[in-house]
Each structure stands twice: as C-alpha cells, then as structure tokens.
Amino acid sequence: MNGNYDDILSRVPTAPLWYDEYGVPRYEPFTPRRTGNIYCNEAVLVEVVCQACLRTFTVCCSFNRPVFPSMEDHSQADLIRHNYEFLYGDPPRHSEGTYLHENAKITCVAGDSMNTMAVRVLEYWKRDRWEWVRDPSLEITIESDELDRIKRGQWQAPPISVPSDTPAASHRKSFRPHASGRNILGTLARWISRS
C-alpha cells in the first residue's frame, strides 16, 4: 500500500494532476524531471484503474536501465510495443473518502491494497544522455481482455487445481477464489503460462 497523503490533499482544493511512483499527489504538469526517481532513464505517464472499484488515476512509472549493455534487459518501450501490461502496483490511497463515479457515490473498501491495471500510455519519455525526449508513437491504449471482462461484469476466476500428491488434495480438488483475489490470481496465471 502507498502512504496516506491526506495532509497534502486536505490543504489543496483541486484534485492532483497525477501521482508519482510512490502515490504522492502532484499538482504541476508532468515532466520526467519531476519523477520520484532521479536516476531513471525512462519515464511513462500512465492511466491506470483500481482493480476493485475501477477508479481512474494518472500515475508515473519510471525505470532504470542497467549500465552494462551485456546485461539482458528489456526497455519499457519494448514492453509497450508488445502490449505488456504495466505494473504500477497499488493505486494511490483512495479508500478513506467517497468519490463520484458515473453519478454514483462509491467508497472503495479494498482498493488501497489491490493492484492497478493499465489503460493507456499518456506520455512516454526516454533520457538521451542528459536530455529527455518524448516519443508519441508509444502513447497507446493498452488492450486488456481481463479489464474488458471486469468492466462488463463477466470475469470469473479460473478453478485452481491442487496436485493430487499434496495433503490439501484430500480436502478438495479445486476451488474458486473469493472475488477480491480474482485479479491477483489472473495475473499469476498469466505469469505462469508465460514461463
């Protein structure tokens, strides 16, 4: 979970324009020089939604690239080109208050400890030596079947099988996780299937 910045939010009458990597509200327009990571080589402003309540946040993700070119790594630009889902992590704190969503007041109970899902890349920046260069070709909508199913209310957690040689197998062969864990398990299933 990110920190609670109600001491800042309560004193500023307008909503933050974006949140940094640590969930800190920011009120000046985004530039890569305002990230929380002064060593980053890539900075991305991303629109994300809370998995629990689908509240939208504009957040910054910043990344360091290894110094040695022999180290195997992938840039965020490569991941964007392959429609990889960004992992911002927990959303900025928002469960304490009630907010308006599509003309309904909603309080997100589990949202602070849930994950976020990326919706679109608003700005992509890469440091070229000392200068930051923006690449609008990477500012795209991120396609996510999981997010589409959640918005339509059609998401159902897949059954999880317990290997037959474990003690838990005698109790039940499979189970469906509680709805609050559905997105985490979906992410785990995707990671397992990729390896």
C-alpha atoms as a PDB file:
ATOM      1  CA  MET A   1       0.000   0.000   0.000  1.00  0.00           C
ATOM      2  CA  ASN A   2       1.058   3.517  -0.662  1.00  0.00           C
ATOM      3  CA  GLY A   3       1.293   6.171   2.012  1.00  0.00           C
ATOM      4  CA  ASN A   4      -1.649   8.312   3.036  1.00  0.00           C
ATOM      5  CA  TYR A   5      -1.127  11.904   1.898  1.00  0.00           C
ATOM      6  CA  ASP A   6      -4.320  13.381   3.338  1.00  0.00           C
ATOM      7  CA  ASP A   7      -2.205  16.114   4.956  1.00  0.00           C
ATOM      8  CA  ILE A   8      -1.473  17.369   1.426  1.00  0.00           C
ATOM      9  CA  LEU A   9      -4.820  16.505  -0.173  1.00  0.00           C
ATOM     10  CA  SER A  10      -6.829  18.231   2.577  1.00  0.00           C
ATOM     11  CA  ARG A  11      -4.986  21.524   2.071  1.00  0.00           C
ATOM     12  CA  VAL A  12      -5.229  21.731  -1.718  1.00  0.00           C
ATOM     13  CA  PRO A  13      -8.727  22.401  -3.061  1.00  0.00           C
ATOM     14  CA  THR A  14      -8.104  20.846  -6.501  1.00  0.00           C
ATOM     15  CA  ALA A  15      -7.537  17.223  -7.420  1.00  0.00           C
ATOM     16  CA  PRO A  16      -3.960  16.133  -8.203  1.00  0.00           C
ATOM     17  CA  LEU A  17      -2.978  16.116 -11.885  1.00  0.00           C
ATOM     18  CA  TRP A  18      -1.001  12.891 -11.389  1.00  0.00           C
ATOM     19  CA  TYR A  19       0.679  10.700  -8.775  1.00  0.00           C
ATOM     20  CA  ASP A  20       4.341   9.743  -8.668  1.00  0.00           C
ATOM     21  CA  GLU A  21       5.784   6.236  -8.256  1.00  0.00           C
ATOM     22  CA  TYR A  22       5.077   6.295  -4.525  1.00  0.00           C
ATOM     23  CA  GLY A  23       1.472   7.521  -4.732  1.00  0.00           C
ATOM     24  CA  VAL A  24       2.419  11.117  -3.836  1.00  0.00           C
ATOM     25  CA  PRO A  25      -0.100  13.603  -5.306  1.00  0.00           C
ATOM     26  CA  ARG A  26       1.426  16.036  -7.800  1.00  0.00           C
ATOM     27  CA  TYR A  27      -0.154  19.351  -8.822  1.00  0.00           C
ATOM     28  CA  GLU A  28       2.188  20.638 -11.507  1.00  0.00           C
ATOM     29  CA  PRO A  29       2.021  19.271 -15.075  1.00  0.00           C
ATOM     30  CA  PHE A  30       4.044  16.102 -15.579  1.00  0.00           C
ATOM     31  CA  THR A  31       7.629  16.227 -16.791  1.00  0.00           C
ATOM     32  CA  PRO A  32      10.145  13.381 -16.449  1.00  0.00           C
ATOM     33  CA  ARG A  33      12.261  15.652 -14.240  1.00  0.00           C
ATOM     34  CA  ARG A  34       9.505  15.535 -11.606  1.00  0.00           C
ATOM     35  CA  THR A  35       9.565  11.757 -11.125  1.00  0.00           C
ATOM     36  CA  GLY A  36      10.407  10.345  -7.719  1.00  0.00           C
ATOM     37  CA  ASN A  37      13.376   8.508  -9.270  1.00  0.00           C
ATOM     38  CA  ILE A  38      16.189  10.898 -10.209  1.00  0.00           C
ATOM     39  CA  TYR A  39      18.218   8.068 -11.778  1.00  0.00           C
ATOM     40  CA  CYS A  40      15.597   6.844 -14.240  1.00  0.00           C
ATOM     41  CA  ASN A  41      16.233   6.540 -17.972  1.00  0.00           C
ATOM     42  CA  GLU A  42      12.592   6.074 -18.943  1.00  0.00           C
ATOM     43  CA  ALA A  43       9.511   7.812 -17.556  1.00  0.00           C
ATOM     44  CA  VAL A  44       5.970   6.934 -18.512  1.00  0.00           C
ATOM     45  CA  LEU A  45       2.753   8.709 -17.564  1.00  0.00           C
ATOM     46  CA  VAL A  46       0.065   6.037 -17.492  1.00  0.00           C
ATOM     47  CA  GLU A  47      -3.680   5.979 -16.932  1.00  0.00           C
ATOM     48  CA  VAL A  48      -4.486   3.105 -14.573  1.00  0.00           C
ATOM     49  CA  VAL A  49      -7.604   1.847 -12.819  1.00  0.00           C
ATOM     50  CA  CYS A  50      -8.050   0.318  -9.382  1.00  0.00           C
ATOM     51  CA  GLN A  51      -8.898  -3.381  -9.768  1.00  0.00           C
ATOM     52  CA  ALA A  52     -11.509  -3.193  -7.027  1.00  0.00           C
ATOM     53  CA  CYS A  53     -13.540  -0.095  -7.974  1.00  0.00           C
ATOM     54  CA  LEU A  54     -12.179   0.865 -11.435  1.00  0.00           C
ATOM     55  CA  ARG A  55     -11.412   4.409 -10.282  1.00  0.00           C
ATOM     56  CA  THR A  56      -9.028   6.039 -12.759  1.00  0.00           C
ATOM     57  CA  PHE A  57      -5.660   7.526 -11.759  1.00  0.00           C
ATOM     58  CA  THR A  58      -2.918   9.185 -13.770  1.00  0.00           C
ATOM     59  CA  VAL A  59       0.388   7.865 -12.451  1.00  0.00           C
ATOM     60  CA  CYS A  60       4.078   7.954 -13.294  1.00  0.00           C
ATOM     61  CA  CYS A  61       6.208   4.861 -13.779  1.00  0.00           C
ATOM     62  CA  SER A  62       9.968   5.343 -14.027  1.00  0.00           C
ATOM     63  CA  PHE A  63      12.645   2.820 -14.876  1.00  0.00           C
ATOM     64  CA  ASN A  64      16.405   2.453 -14.633  1.00  0.00           C
ATOM     65  CA  ARG A  65      18.268   0.606 -17.352  1.00  0.00           C
ATOM     66  CA  PRO A  66      21.388  -1.401 -16.457  1.00  0.00           C
ATOM     67  CA  VAL A  67      24.656   0.421 -17.020  1.00  0.00           C
ATOM     68  CA  PHE A  68      26.331  -2.539 -18.698  1.00  0.00           C
ATOM     69  CA  PRO A  69      24.971  -3.376 -22.177  1.00  0.00           C
ATOM     70  CA  SER A  70      25.813  -7.065 -21.688  1.00  0.00           C
ATOM     71  CA  MET A  71      23.072  -7.382 -19.076  1.00  0.00           C
ATOM     72  CA  GLU A  72      19.897  -8.834 -20.546  1.00  0.00           C
ATOM     73  CA  ASP A  73      17.005  -6.437 -20.147  1.00  0.00           C
ATOM     74  CA  HIS A  74      14.022  -5.020 -21.935  1.00  0.00           C
ATOM     75  CA  SER A  75      13.213  -1.361 -22.135  1.00  0.00           C
ATOM     76  CA  GLN A  76       9.759  -0.119 -21.296  1.00  0.00           C
ATOM     77  CA  ALA A  77       9.465   0.925 -24.937  1.00  0.00           C
ATOM     78  CA  ASP A  78       9.841  -2.753 -25.937  1.00  0.00           C
ATOM     79  CA  LEU A  79       7.198  -3.772 -23.418  1.00  0.00           C
ATOM     80  CA  ILE A  80       4.791  -1.095 -24.669  1.00  0.00           C
ATOM     81  CA  ARG A  81       5.298  -2.236 -28.274  1.00  0.00           C
ATOM     82  CA  HIS A  82       4.324  -5.769 -27.233  1.00  0.00           C
ATOM     83  CA  ASN A  83       1.225  -4.551 -25.334  1.00  0.00           C
ATOM     84  CA  TYR A  84       2.646  -5.666 -21.995  1.00  0.00           C
ATOM     85  CA  GLU A  85       0.543  -4.602 -19.036  1.00  0.00           C
ATOM     86  CA  PHE A  86       2.303  -2.055 -16.842  1.00  0.00           C
ATOM     87  CA  LEU A  87       2.716  -2.966 -13.230  1.00  0.00           C
ATOM     88  CA  TYR A  88       2.358   0.283 -11.300  1.00  0.00           C
ATOM     89  CA  GLY A  89       1.375  -1.655  -8.223  1.00  0.00           C
ATOM     90  CA  ASP A  90      -1.058  -0.480  -5.571  1.00  0.00           C
ATOM     91  CA  PRO A  91      -3.142   2.554  -6.527  1.00  0.00           C
ATOM     92  CA  PRO A  92      -2.811   5.860  -4.727  1.00  0.00           C
ATOM     93  CA  ARG A  93      -4.702   5.828  -1.412  1.00  0.00           C
ATOM     94  CA  HIS A  94      -8.391   6.358  -2.035  1.00  0.00           C
ATOM     95  CA  SER A  95     -10.469   4.174   0.284  1.00  0.00           C
ATOM     96  CA  GLU A  96     -10.848   6.769   3.050  1.00  0.00           C
ATOM     97  CA  GLY A  97     -13.091   9.039   1.028  1.00  0.00           C
ATOM     98  CA  THR A  98     -16.129   8.726  -1.150  1.00  0.00           C
ATOM     99  CA  TYR A  99     -15.937   9.890  -4.722  1.00  0.00           C
ATOM    100  CA  LEU A 100     -18.313  10.291  -7.628  1.00  0.00           C
ATOM    101  CA  HIS A 101     -18.183   7.634 -10.350  1.00  0.00           C
ATOM    102  CA  GLU A 102     -20.750   7.770 -13.157  1.00  0.00           C
ATOM    103  CA  ASN A 103     -23.179   9.785 -10.980  1.00  0.00           C
ATOM    104  CA  ALA A 104     -22.937   7.357  -8.050  1.00  0.00           C
ATOM    105  CA  LYS A 105     -21.046   7.819  -4.807  1.00  0.00           C
ATOM    106  CA  ILE A 106     -18.611   4.963  -4.252  1.00  0.00           C
ATOM    107  CA  THR A 107     -16.309   4.081  -1.395  1.00  0.00           C
ATOM    108  CA  CYS A 108     -13.585   1.611  -2.347  1.00  0.00           C
ATOM    109  CA  VAL A 109     -13.007  -0.671   0.629  1.00  0.00           C
ATOM    110  CA  ALA A 110     -10.260  -2.970  -0.685  1.00  0.00           C
ATOM    111  CA  GLY A 111      -8.709  -0.652  -3.272  1.00  0.00           C
ATOM    112  CA  ASP A 112      -5.673   0.566  -1.349  1.00  0.00           C
ATOM    113  CA  SER A 113      -4.278  -2.952  -1.188  1.00  0.00           C
ATOM    114  CA  MET A 114      -5.409  -4.049  -4.652  1.00  0.00           C
ATOM    115  CA  ASN A 115      -3.337  -3.754  -7.789  1.00  0.00           C
ATOM    116  CA  THR A 116      -3.902  -1.433 -10.724  1.00  0.00           C
ATOM    117  CA  MET A 117      -4.459  -2.202 -14.372  1.00  0.00           C
ATOM    118  CA  ALA A 118      -3.023  -0.016 -17.119  1.00  0.00           C
ATOM    119  CA  VAL A 119      -5.488   1.539 -19.543  1.00  0.00           C
ATOM    120  CA  ARG A 120      -3.280   3.714 -21.730  1.00  0.00           C
ATOM    121  CA  VAL A 121       0.126   5.329 -22.016  1.00  0.00           C
ATOM    122  CA  LEU A 122      -0.366   9.096 -21.925  1.00  0.00           C
ATOM    123  CA  GLU A 123       3.301  10.122 -22.283  1.00  0.00           C
ATOM    124  CA  TYR A 124       6.492   8.153 -22.909  1.00  0.00           C
ATOM    125  CA  TRP A 125       9.886   9.787 -22.275  1.00  0.00           C
ATOM    126  CA  LYS A 126      13.420   8.451 -22.664  1.00  0.00           C
ATOM    127  CA  ARG A 127      16.604  10.109 -21.493  1.00  0.00           C
ATOM    128  CA  ASP A 128      19.072  10.605 -24.332  1.00  0.00           C
ATOM    129  CA  ARG A 129      22.264  11.344 -22.429  1.00  0.00           C
ATOM    130  CA  TRP A 130      21.166  14.437 -20.444  1.00  0.00           C
ATOM    131  CA  GLU A 131      18.051  15.461 -22.338  1.00  0.00           C
ATOM    132  CA  TRP A 132      14.600  13.918 -22.153  1.00  0.00           C
ATOM    133  CA  VAL A 133      12.986  13.042 -25.490  1.00  0.00           C
ATOM    134  CA  ARG A 134       9.284  12.275 -25.857  1.00  0.00           C
ATOM    135  CA  ASP A 135       8.138   9.507 -28.216  1.00  0.00           C
ATOM    136  CA  PRO A 136       4.420   9.920 -29.070  1.00  0.00           C
ATOM    137  CA  SER A 137       4.447   6.684 -31.113  1.00  0.00           C
ATOM    138  CA  LEU A 138       4.431   4.776 -27.794  1.00  0.00           C
ATOM    139  CA  GLU A 139       1.457   6.657 -26.368  1.00  0.00           C
ATOM    140  CA  ILE A 140      -1.136   3.956 -26.932  1.00  0.00           C
ATOM    141  CA  THR A 141      -4.209   2.331 -25.436  1.00  0.00           C
ATOM    142  CA  ILE A 142      -3.288  -0.926 -23.727  1.00  0.00           C
ATOM    143  CA  GLU A 143      -5.565  -3.759 -24.702  1.00  0.00           C
ATOM    144  CA  SER A 144      -6.596  -5.951 -21.799  1.00  0.00           C
ATOM    145  CA  ASP A 145      -9.143  -8.740 -22.078  1.00  0.00           C
ATOM    146  CA  GLU A 146      -9.197  -9.012 -18.296  1.00  0.00           C
ATOM    147  CA  LEU A 147     -10.120  -5.336 -17.844  1.00  0.00           C
ATOM    148  CA  ASP A 148     -12.804  -5.601 -20.519  1.00  0.00           C
ATOM    149  CA  ARG A 149     -14.347  -8.614 -18.775  1.00  0.00           C
ATOM    150  CA  ILE A 150     -14.257  -6.861 -15.375  1.00  0.00           C
ATOM    151  CA  LYS A 151     -15.992  -3.782 -16.809  1.00  0.00           C
ATOM    152  CA  ARG A 152     -18.698  -5.965 -18.358  1.00  0.00           C
ATOM    153  CA  GLY A 153     -19.078  -7.912 -15.100  1.00  0.00           C
ATOM    154  CA  GLN A 154     -18.180 -11.153 -16.882  1.00  0.00           C
ATOM    155  CA  TRP A 155     -14.947 -12.002 -15.083  1.00  0.00           C
ATOM    156  CA  GLN A 156     -14.875 -15.360 -13.329  1.00  0.00           C
ATOM    157  CA  ALA A 157     -11.839 -16.729 -11.568  1.00  0.00           C
ATOM    158  CA  PRO A 158     -10.486 -19.929 -13.102  1.00  0.00           C
ATOM    159  CA  PRO A 159     -10.514 -23.002 -10.855  1.00  0.00           C
ATOM    160  CA  ILE A 160      -7.195 -23.660  -9.146  1.00  0.00           C
ATOM    161  CA  SER A 161      -6.157 -27.298  -9.130  1.00  0.00           C
ATOM    162  CA  VAL A 162      -4.348 -28.805  -6.178  1.00  0.00           C
ATOM    163  CA  PRO A 163      -1.789 -31.503  -7.124  1.00  0.00           C
ATOM    164  CA  SER A 164      -3.046 -34.938  -6.082  1.00  0.00           C
ATOM    165  CA  ASP A 165       0.094 -35.730  -4.078  1.00  0.00           C
ATOM    166  CA  THR A 166      -0.411 -32.902  -1.559  1.00  0.00           C
ATOM    167  CA  PRO A 167      -2.266 -33.077   1.784  1.00  0.00           C
ATOM    168  CA  ALA A 168      -4.672 -30.376   0.575  1.00  0.00           C
ATOM    169  CA  ALA A 169      -5.859 -32.666  -2.238  1.00  0.00           C
ATOM    170  CA  SER A 170      -7.771 -34.834   0.226  1.00  0.00           C
ATOM    171  CA  HIS A 171      -9.921 -31.844   1.180  1.00  0.00           C
ATOM    172  CA  ARG A 172     -10.771 -30.542  -2.286  1.00  0.00           C
ATOM    173  CA  LYS A 173      -9.502 -30.938  -5.805  1.00  0.00           C
ATOM    174  CA  SER A 174     -10.169 -27.376  -6.908  1.00  0.00           C
ATOM    175  CA  PHE A 175     -11.754 -24.199  -5.661  1.00  0.00           C
ATOM    176  CA  ARG A 176     -12.746 -20.795  -6.950  1.00  0.00           C
ATOM    177  CA  PRO A 177     -11.052 -17.907  -5.151  1.00  0.00           C
ATOM    178  CA  HIS A 178     -13.022 -15.157  -3.470  1.00  0.00           C
ATOM    179  CA  ALA A 179     -13.815 -12.233  -5.782  1.00  0.00           C
ATOM    180  CA  SER A 180     -11.323  -9.913  -4.037  1.00  0.00           C
ATOM    181  CA  GLY A 181      -8.436 -12.140  -5.120  1.00  0.00           C
ATOM    182  CA  ARG A 182      -9.603 -12.712  -8.669  1.00  0.00           C
ATOM    183  CA  ASN A 183      -7.320 -10.185 -10.376  1.00  0.00           C
ATOM    184  CA  ILE A 184      -4.224 -11.221  -8.472  1.00  0.00           C
ATOM    185  CA  LEU A 185      -4.805 -14.845  -9.407  1.00  0.00           C
ATOM    186  CA  GLY A 186      -5.436 -13.899 -13.033  1.00  0.00           C
ATOM    187  CA  THR A 187      -2.094 -12.090 -13.093  1.00  0.00           C
ATOM    188  CA  LEU A 188      -0.371 -15.098 -11.519  1.00  0.00           C
ATOM    189  CA  ALA A 189      -1.933 -17.411 -14.086  1.00  0.00           C
ATOM    190  CA  ARG A 190      -0.657 -15.206 -16.927  1.00  0.00           C
ATOM    191  CA  TRP A 191       2.868 -15.165 -15.469  1.00  0.00           C
ATOM    192  CA  ILE A 192       2.876 -18.930 -15.011  1.00  0.00           C
ATOM    193  CA  SER A 193       1.647 -19.538 -18.559  1.00  0.00           C
ATOM    194  CA  ARG A 194       4.385 -17.253 -19.959  1.00  0.00           C
ATOM    195  CA  SER A 195       7.227 -19.142 -18.253  1.00  0.00           C
END
